[in-house]
């Protein structure tokens, strides 16, 4: 299992960077569907879904819906 750090990407909500997101390289490259959806937080705490392709590049970032209690 090889963990890889994804490249920095801009948050679509606040514009701050999304950094320090790591993924299991084997699971991404061997996934049956691409892009793989990866939950993440930007540096300011926005909850996001990242769309990651087989080359481990973030193709898109979208805000995730949060369930309220």
N, C-alpha and C. Protein backbone atom coordinates (compact mmCIF):
# COMPACT_ATOMS: atom_id res chain seq x y z
N UNK A 1 0.84 -1.18 0.00
CA UNK A 1 0.00 0.00 0.00
C UNK A 1 0.89 1.24 0.00
N UNK A 2 0.81 2.01 -1.05
CA UNK A 2 1.61 3.22 -1.17
C UNK A 2 0.69 4.43 -1.03
N UNK A 3 0.97 5.26 -0.05
CA UNK A 3 0.22 6.49 0.15
C UNK A 3 0.87 7.60 -0.65
N UNK A 4 0.06 8.37 -1.36
CA UNK A 4 0.57 9.48 -2.18
C UNK A 4 -0.13 10.77 -1.78
N UNK A 5 0.63 11.84 -1.73
CA UNK A 5 0.12 13.17 -1.47
C UNK A 5 -0.37 13.76 -2.79
N UNK A 6 -1.63 14.20 -2.81
CA UNK A 6 -2.16 14.81 -4.03
C UNK A 6 -1.62 16.22 -4.18
N UNK A 7 -1.57 16.70 -5.42
CA UNK A 7 -1.11 18.05 -5.68
C UNK A 7 -2.11 19.06 -5.13
N UNK A 8 -1.63 20.24 -4.87
CA UNK A 8 -2.47 21.31 -4.33
C UNK A 8 -3.54 21.71 -5.35
N UNK A 9 -4.71 22.07 -4.86
CA UNK A 9 -5.83 22.48 -5.70
C UNK A 9 -6.57 23.60 -4.97
N UNK A 10 -7.26 24.45 -5.70
CA UNK A 10 -7.98 25.56 -5.09
C UNK A 10 -9.38 25.14 -4.65
N UNK A 11 -9.78 25.56 -3.46
CA UNK A 11 -11.12 25.27 -2.93
C UNK A 11 -12.15 26.06 -3.72
N UNK A 12 -13.21 25.40 -4.21
CA UNK A 12 -14.24 26.11 -4.98
C UNK A 12 -15.15 26.96 -4.10
N UNK A 13 -15.10 26.79 -2.79
CA UNK A 13 -15.97 27.54 -1.88
C UNK A 13 -15.32 28.84 -1.42
N UNK A 14 -14.09 28.73 -0.88
CA UNK A 14 -13.45 29.91 -0.29
C UNK A 14 -12.20 30.38 -1.03
N UNK A 15 -11.70 29.57 -1.96
CA UNK A 15 -10.53 29.97 -2.74
C UNK A 15 -9.19 29.62 -2.10
N UNK A 16 -9.20 29.09 -0.89
CA UNK A 16 -7.97 28.70 -0.22
C UNK A 16 -7.48 27.37 -0.79
N UNK A 17 -6.22 27.04 -0.55
CA UNK A 17 -5.69 25.79 -1.11
C UNK A 17 -6.22 24.55 -0.39
N UNK A 18 -6.27 23.46 -1.14
CA UNK A 18 -6.56 22.14 -0.60
C UNK A 18 -5.20 21.44 -0.60
N UNK A 19 -4.67 21.16 0.59
CA UNK A 19 -3.36 20.54 0.71
C UNK A 19 -3.44 19.36 1.66
N UNK A 20 -2.39 18.60 1.72
CA UNK A 20 -2.23 17.50 2.67
C UNK A 20 -3.26 16.39 2.51
N UNK A 21 -3.75 16.18 1.29
CA UNK A 21 -4.68 15.07 1.04
C UNK A 21 -3.87 13.90 0.51
N UNK A 22 -3.92 12.78 1.22
CA UNK A 22 -3.21 11.58 0.79
C UNK A 22 -4.22 10.49 0.42
N UNK A 23 -3.83 9.68 -0.56
CA UNK A 23 -4.68 8.58 -1.03
C UNK A 23 -3.82 7.33 -1.19
N UNK A 24 -4.48 6.19 -1.22
CA UNK A 24 -3.83 4.91 -1.50
C UNK A 24 -3.71 4.80 -3.02
N UNK A 25 -2.49 4.86 -3.53
CA UNK A 25 -2.25 4.87 -4.97
C UNK A 25 -2.86 3.65 -5.66
N UNK A 26 -2.72 2.46 -5.07
CA UNK A 26 -3.24 1.24 -5.67
C UNK A 26 -4.75 1.24 -5.80
N UNK A 27 -5.43 1.77 -4.80
CA UNK A 27 -6.90 1.82 -4.86
C UNK A 27 -7.39 2.78 -5.93
N UNK A 28 -6.69 3.89 -6.13
CA UNK A 28 -7.09 4.85 -7.17
C UNK A 28 -6.82 4.25 -8.55
N UNK A 29 -5.61 3.74 -8.75
CA UNK A 29 -5.25 3.21 -10.07
C UNK A 29 -6.03 1.96 -10.44
N UNK A 30 -6.46 1.18 -9.44
CA UNK A 30 -7.21 -0.03 -9.71
C UNK A 30 -8.72 0.12 -9.58
N UNK A 31 -9.19 1.32 -9.41
CA UNK A 31 -10.63 1.55 -9.22
C UNK A 31 -11.41 1.19 -10.48
N UNK A 32 -12.60 0.58 -10.32
CA UNK A 32 -13.41 0.22 -11.48
C UNK A 32 -14.03 1.43 -12.17
N UNK A 33 -14.19 2.52 -11.44
CA UNK A 33 -14.77 3.74 -12.03
C UNK A 33 -13.83 4.91 -11.80
N UNK A 34 -13.68 5.69 -12.83
CA UNK A 34 -12.84 6.89 -12.77
C UNK A 34 -13.68 8.06 -13.23
N UNK A 35 -13.65 9.20 -12.58
CA UNK A 35 -12.79 9.55 -11.47
C UNK A 35 -13.25 8.93 -10.16
N UNK A 36 -12.31 8.83 -9.23
CA UNK A 36 -12.60 8.34 -7.89
C UNK A 36 -12.96 9.55 -7.03
N UNK A 37 -14.01 9.43 -6.25
CA UNK A 37 -14.43 10.51 -5.37
C UNK A 37 -13.72 10.37 -4.03
N UNK A 38 -13.04 11.42 -3.63
CA UNK A 38 -12.25 11.42 -2.41
C UNK A 38 -12.73 12.56 -1.51
N UNK A 39 -13.20 12.26 -0.30
CA UNK A 39 -13.59 13.33 0.61
C UNK A 39 -12.35 14.05 1.14
N UNK A 40 -12.46 15.37 1.33
CA UNK A 40 -11.32 16.16 1.80
C UNK A 40 -11.81 17.46 2.42
N UNK A 41 -10.90 18.12 3.10
CA UNK A 41 -11.14 19.46 3.63
C UNK A 41 -10.08 20.39 3.08
N UNK A 42 -10.47 21.64 2.79
CA UNK A 42 -9.46 22.63 2.40
C UNK A 42 -8.78 23.13 3.68
N UNK A 43 -7.81 24.00 3.53
CA UNK A 43 -7.05 24.49 4.68
C UNK A 43 -7.90 25.35 5.62
N UNK A 44 -9.06 25.82 5.16
CA UNK A 44 -9.95 26.61 6.00
C UNK A 44 -11.12 25.80 6.55
N UNK A 45 -11.18 24.51 6.21
CA UNK A 45 -12.19 23.63 6.78
C UNK A 45 -13.42 23.37 5.95
N UNK A 46 -13.45 23.82 4.71
CA UNK A 46 -14.59 23.53 3.83
C UNK A 46 -14.57 22.03 3.50
N UNK A 47 -15.71 21.37 3.62
CA UNK A 47 -15.82 19.94 3.33
C UNK A 47 -16.07 19.77 1.84
N UNK A 48 -15.24 18.98 1.17
CA UNK A 48 -15.25 18.88 -0.29
C UNK A 48 -15.22 17.42 -0.75
N UNK A 49 -15.56 17.24 -2.01
CA UNK A 49 -15.36 15.97 -2.70
C UNK A 49 -14.41 16.26 -3.86
N UNK A 50 -13.30 15.51 -3.91
CA UNK A 50 -12.33 15.65 -4.99
C UNK A 50 -12.55 14.55 -6.01
N UNK A 51 -12.46 14.88 -7.27
CA UNK A 51 -12.58 13.92 -8.36
C UNK A 51 -11.16 13.65 -8.86
N UNK A 52 -10.64 12.46 -8.56
CA UNK A 52 -9.24 12.13 -8.82
C UNK A 52 -9.16 11.08 -9.93
N UNK A 53 -8.27 11.33 -10.92
CA UNK A 53 -8.12 10.38 -12.03
C UNK A 53 -6.99 9.38 -11.74
N UNK A 54 -6.74 8.48 -12.67
CA UNK A 54 -5.74 7.42 -12.46
C UNK A 54 -4.32 7.93 -12.35
N UNK A 55 -4.06 9.13 -12.84
CA UNK A 55 -2.72 9.71 -12.71
C UNK A 55 -2.56 10.46 -11.39
N UNK A 56 -3.56 10.32 -10.50
CA UNK A 56 -3.58 10.96 -9.19
C UNK A 56 -3.65 12.48 -9.26
N UNK A 57 -4.26 12.97 -10.31
CA UNK A 57 -4.49 14.41 -10.47
C UNK A 57 -5.92 14.73 -10.05
N UNK A 58 -6.10 15.84 -9.37
CA UNK A 58 -7.44 16.31 -9.02
C UNK A 58 -8.01 17.00 -10.25
N UNK A 59 -9.08 16.45 -10.80
CA UNK A 59 -9.71 17.02 -11.99
C UNK A 59 -10.77 18.06 -11.65
N UNK A 60 -11.37 17.91 -10.45
CA UNK A 60 -12.42 18.82 -10.04
C UNK A 60 -12.58 18.72 -8.53
N UNK A 61 -13.04 19.79 -7.92
CA UNK A 61 -13.37 19.79 -6.50
C UNK A 61 -14.74 20.44 -6.36
N UNK A 62 -15.61 19.80 -5.60
CA UNK A 62 -16.97 20.31 -5.40
C UNK A 62 -17.28 20.31 -3.91
N UNK A 63 -18.11 21.27 -3.46
CA UNK A 63 -18.53 21.23 -2.06
C UNK A 63 -19.35 20.00 -1.79
N UNK A 64 -19.16 19.38 -0.65
CA UNK A 64 -19.94 18.21 -0.25
C UNK A 64 -21.13 18.69 0.57
N UNK A 65 -22.24 18.00 0.44
CA UNK A 65 -23.39 18.32 1.26
C UNK A 65 -23.17 17.76 2.64
N UNK A 66 -23.51 18.52 3.63
CA UNK A 66 -23.38 18.05 5.00
C UNK A 66 -24.76 17.80 5.58
N UNK A 67 -24.90 16.68 6.25
CA UNK A 67 -26.17 16.34 6.89
C UNK A 67 -26.24 17.09 8.23
N UNK A 68 -27.36 17.74 8.46
CA UNK A 68 -27.53 18.42 9.75
C UNK A 68 -28.34 17.53 10.67
N UNK A 69 -28.06 17.62 11.94
CA UNK A 69 -28.79 16.78 12.89
C UNK A 69 -29.94 17.51 13.54
